[in-house]
Amino acid sequence: MRNRSRDSVGNPVQWMKLKWMRYSKETPDVIQFKYDYDDAFSHPRVTQATRGRPQVPWSNEIDSVYQEPPALSKAKYDDLQYLCNSLAIPPAYHPFYQSLRYDGQMIDRLAEPDILDATDVSTDENN
């Protein structure tokens, strides 16, 4: 977005007085807004004629990385099932977690924790 200070008519945009903003998937480079609910939508001039190379249009389509959802490790799947059974995960979401794929051969590769748990700290009462 290049020009955020003027609308399509040329009036200054008063961002702090906006009451309604609307975005549309069909026009991703347009922001529509209203100062009052009864007004018509206006939009800032988003693109300006510039020198140099023309801008490449933005694409809404994203290519899928996987053909099917990746599998979880068995340990992670078991932990999720435990959370479902203990009702830490609401019952409405249980079918999703029960339908997840897992691979018993996959090794769970967890990052090092940022903080230590109580089980990670040894308590020596002689010190």
C-alpha atoms as a PDB file:
ATOM      1  CA  MET A   1       0.000   0.000   0.000  1.00  0.00           C
ATOM      2  CA  ARG A   2       1.747   3.104  -1.191  1.00  0.00           C
ATOM      3  CA  ASN A   3      -0.521   6.057  -0.514  1.00  0.00           C
ATOM      4  CA  ARG A   4      -2.308   5.831   2.813  1.00  0.00           C
ATOM      5  CA  SER A   5      -3.015   9.521   3.305  1.00  0.00           C
ATOM      6  CA  ARG A   6      -5.583  10.292   0.565  1.00  0.00           C
ATOM      7  CA  ASP A   7      -8.742   8.516  -0.563  1.00  0.00           C
ATOM      8  CA  SER A   8      -9.827   7.834  -4.147  1.00  0.00           C
ATOM      9  CA  VAL A   9     -11.362  11.327  -4.461  1.00  0.00           C
ATOM     10  CA  GLY A  10      -8.247  13.039  -3.085  1.00  0.00           C
ATOM     11  CA  ASN A  11      -9.534  13.892   0.404  1.00  0.00           C
ATOM     12  CA  PRO A  12      -7.236  13.200   3.367  1.00  0.00           C
ATOM     13  CA  VAL A  13      -7.997   9.914   5.152  1.00  0.00           C
ATOM     14  CA  GLN A  14      -8.791  10.441   8.836  1.00  0.00           C
ATOM     15  CA  TRP A  15      -7.831   7.013  10.138  1.00  0.00           C
ATOM     16  CA  MET A  16      -8.802   7.700  13.757  1.00  0.00           C
ATOM     17  CA  LYS A  17     -12.381   8.595  12.767  1.00  0.00           C
ATOM     18  CA  LEU A  18     -13.132   5.424  10.791  1.00  0.00           C
ATOM     19  CA  LYS A  19     -16.122   3.421  11.983  1.00  0.00           C
ATOM     20  CA  TRP A  20     -16.196   0.589   9.449  1.00  0.00           C
ATOM     21  CA  MET A  21     -13.459  -1.070   7.401  1.00  0.00           C
ATOM     22  CA  ARG A  22     -14.126  -3.773   4.823  1.00  0.00           C
ATOM     23  CA  TYR A  23     -11.749  -6.045   2.932  1.00  0.00           C
ATOM     24  CA  SER A  24     -12.750  -8.274   0.046  1.00  0.00           C
ATOM     25  CA  LYS A  25     -11.063 -11.399  -1.254  1.00  0.00           C
ATOM     26  CA  GLU A  26     -11.910 -10.407  -4.821  1.00  0.00           C
ATOM     27  CA  THR A  27     -10.013  -7.104  -4.521  1.00  0.00           C
ATOM     28  CA  PRO A  28      -7.164  -7.705  -2.044  1.00  0.00           C
ATOM     29  CA  ASP A  29      -5.455  -4.385  -2.785  1.00  0.00           C
ATOM     30  CA  VAL A  30      -8.510  -2.274  -1.840  1.00  0.00           C
ATOM     31  CA  ILE A  31      -9.483  -1.232   1.682  1.00  0.00           C
ATOM     32  CA  GLN A  32     -12.990   0.191   1.893  1.00  0.00           C
ATOM     33  CA  PHE A  33     -14.005   2.364   4.821  1.00  0.00           C
ATOM     34  CA  LYS A  34     -16.755   4.574   6.223  1.00  0.00           C
ATOM     35  CA  TYR A  35     -16.654   7.454   8.674  1.00  0.00           C
ATOM     36  CA  ASP A  36     -20.342   6.937   9.519  1.00  0.00           C
ATOM     37  CA  TYR A  37     -22.564   3.890   9.121  1.00  0.00           C
ATOM     38  CA  ASP A  38     -24.891   5.755   6.747  1.00  0.00           C
ATOM     39  CA  ASP A  39     -22.097   6.926   4.404  1.00  0.00           C
ATOM     40  CA  ALA A  40     -21.073   5.188   1.199  1.00  0.00           C
ATOM     41  CA  PHE A  41     -17.822   3.220   1.190  1.00  0.00           C
ATOM     42  CA  SER A  42     -14.679   5.044   0.146  1.00  0.00           C
ATOM     43  CA  HIS A  43     -11.175   3.695  -0.302  1.00  0.00           C
ATOM     44  CA  PRO A  44      -7.646   5.114  -0.258  1.00  0.00           C
ATOM     45  CA  ARG A  45      -5.628   5.226  -3.413  1.00  0.00           C
ATOM     46  CA  VAL A  46      -3.507   2.190  -2.858  1.00  0.00           C
ATOM     47  CA  THR A  47      -1.363   2.217  -5.974  1.00  0.00           C
ATOM     48  CA  GLN A  48       0.260   5.125  -7.725  1.00  0.00           C
ATOM     49  CA  ALA A  49       1.896   5.369 -11.114  1.00  0.00           C
ATOM     50  CA  THR A  50       5.611   4.982 -10.510  1.00  0.00           C
ATOM     51  CA  ARG A  51       8.704   4.823 -12.617  1.00  0.00           C
ATOM     52  CA  GLY A  52      10.582   1.614 -13.115  1.00  0.00           C
ATOM     53  CA  ARG A  53       9.300  -1.918 -13.294  1.00  0.00           C
ATOM     54  CA  PRO A  54       5.557  -2.520 -13.073  1.00  0.00           C
ATOM     55  CA  GLN A  55       4.383  -4.217  -9.903  1.00  0.00           C
ATOM     56  CA  VAL A  56       3.679  -7.931 -10.052  1.00  0.00           C
ATOM     57  CA  PRO A  57       0.058  -8.681  -9.109  1.00  0.00           C
ATOM     58  CA  TRP A  58      -0.411 -10.592  -5.886  1.00  0.00           C
ATOM     59  CA  SER A  59      -1.782 -14.123  -6.185  1.00  0.00           C
ATOM     60  CA  ASN A  60      -4.384 -15.476  -3.751  1.00  0.00           C
ATOM     61  CA  GLU A  61      -3.585 -19.100  -4.546  1.00  0.00           C
ATOM     62  CA  ILE A  62      -1.190 -21.040  -2.349  1.00  0.00           C
ATOM     63  CA  ASP A  63       0.233 -24.355  -3.487  1.00  0.00           C
ATOM     64  CA  SER A  64      -0.198 -27.267  -1.106  1.00  0.00           C
ATOM     65  CA  VAL A  65       3.023 -28.602   0.382  1.00  0.00           C
ATOM     66  CA  TYR A  66       1.605 -32.013   1.311  1.00  0.00           C
ATOM     67  CA  GLN A  67      -0.656 -34.353  -0.658  1.00  0.00           C
ATOM     68  CA  GLU A  68      -2.089 -35.579   2.651  1.00  0.00           C
ATOM     69  CA  PRO A  69      -1.710 -34.348   6.237  1.00  0.00           C
ATOM     70  CA  PRO A  70       1.641 -35.285   7.781  1.00  0.00           C
ATOM     71  CA  ALA A  71       1.659 -38.060  10.373  1.00  0.00           C
ATOM     72  CA  LEU A  72       2.328 -37.444  14.056  1.00  0.00           C
ATOM     73  CA  SER A  73       4.643 -39.462  16.231  1.00  0.00           C
ATOM     74  CA  LYS A  74       2.937 -42.158  18.323  1.00  0.00           C
ATOM     75  CA  ALA A  75       3.940 -40.353  21.532  1.00  0.00           C
ATOM     76  CA  LYS A  76       2.347 -37.092  20.394  1.00  0.00           C
ATOM     77  CA  TYR A  77      -0.810 -38.910  19.260  1.00  0.00           C
ATOM     78  CA  ASP A  78      -1.061 -40.677  22.638  1.00  0.00           C
ATOM     79  CA  ASP A  79      -0.621 -37.365  24.462  1.00  0.00           C
ATOM     80  CA  LEU A  80      -3.445 -35.806  22.418  1.00  0.00           C
ATOM     81  CA  GLN A  81      -5.692 -38.797  23.146  1.00  0.00           C
ATOM     82  CA  TYR A  82      -4.912 -38.438  26.857  1.00  0.00           C
ATOM     83  CA  LEU A  83      -5.943 -34.764  26.686  1.00  0.00           C
ATOM     84  CA  CYS A  84      -9.201 -35.801  24.995  1.00  0.00           C
ATOM     85  CA  ASN A  85      -9.930 -38.494  27.604  1.00  0.00           C
ATOM     86  CA  SER A  86      -9.192 -36.109  30.478  1.00  0.00           C
ATOM     87  CA  LEU A  87     -11.537 -33.538  28.836  1.00  0.00           C
ATOM     88  CA  ALA A  88      -8.767 -30.940  28.616  1.00  0.00           C
ATOM     89  CA  ILE A  89      -9.850 -30.794  24.963  1.00  0.00           C
ATOM     90  CA  PRO A  90     -13.619 -30.161  24.632  1.00  0.00           C
ATOM     91  CA  PRO A  91     -15.644 -33.166  23.352  1.00  0.00           C
ATOM     92  CA  ALA A  92     -16.699 -31.241  20.239  1.00  0.00           C
ATOM     93  CA  TYR A  93     -13.092 -31.501  18.980  1.00  0.00           C
ATOM     94  CA  HIS A  94     -12.503 -35.179  19.835  1.00  0.00           C
ATOM     95  CA  PRO A  95     -13.409 -36.539  16.348  1.00  0.00           C
ATOM     96  CA  PHE A  96     -10.714 -34.349  14.793  1.00  0.00           C
ATOM     97  CA  TYR A  97      -8.016 -35.528  17.198  1.00  0.00           C
ATOM     98  CA  GLN A  98      -9.119 -39.165  16.907  1.00  0.00           C
ATOM     99  CA  SER A  99      -8.888 -38.995  13.113  1.00  0.00           C
ATOM    100  CA  LEU A 100      -5.255 -37.814  13.089  1.00  0.00           C
ATOM    101  CA  ARG A 101      -2.721 -40.136  11.475  1.00  0.00           C
ATOM    102  CA  TYR A 102       0.311 -41.318  13.399  1.00  0.00           C
ATOM    103  CA  ASP A 103       3.441 -43.275  12.567  1.00  0.00           C
ATOM    104  CA  GLY A 104       4.882 -45.617  15.170  1.00  0.00           C
ATOM    105  CA  GLN A 105       8.327 -45.431  13.548  1.00  0.00           C
ATOM    106  CA  MET A 106       8.544 -41.617  13.664  1.00  0.00           C
ATOM    107  CA  ILE A 107      10.894 -40.164  16.264  1.00  0.00           C
ATOM    108  CA  ASP A 108       9.519 -37.238  18.247  1.00  0.00           C
ATOM    109  CA  ARG A 109      12.004 -34.396  17.779  1.00  0.00           C
ATOM    110  CA  LEU A 110      11.234 -31.796  20.397  1.00  0.00           C
ATOM    111  CA  ALA A 111      13.171 -28.589  20.805  1.00  0.00           C
ATOM    112  CA  GLU A 112      14.911 -27.861  24.070  1.00  0.00           C
ATOM    113  CA  PRO A 113      12.547 -26.166  26.533  1.00  0.00           C
ATOM    114  CA  ASP A 114      12.953 -22.470  27.197  1.00  0.00           C
ATOM    115  CA  ILE A 115      12.523 -22.926  30.941  1.00  0.00           C
ATOM    116  CA  LEU A 116      13.241 -25.765  33.312  1.00  0.00           C
ATOM    117  CA  ASP A 117      10.461 -27.860  34.802  1.00  0.00           C
ATOM    118  CA  ALA A 118      10.380 -28.781  38.449  1.00  0.00           C
ATOM    119  CA  THR A 119      11.456 -32.283  37.383  1.00  0.00           C
ATOM    120  CA  ASP A 120      14.541 -30.851  35.649  1.00  0.00           C
ATOM    121  CA  VAL A 121      15.885 -29.222  38.812  1.00  0.00           C
ATOM    122  CA  SER A 122      17.533 -31.487  41.357  1.00  0.00           C
ATOM    123  CA  THR A 123      17.008 -30.590  44.986  1.00  0.00           C
ATOM    124  CA  ASP A 124      19.931 -31.296  47.253  1.00  0.00           C
ATOM    125  CA  GLU A 125      19.045 -30.659  50.876  1.00  0.00           C
ATOM    126  CA  ASN A 126      22.664 -30.914  52.054  1.00  0.00           C
ATOM    127  CA  ASN A 127      23.649 -27.539  50.499  1.00  0.00           C
END
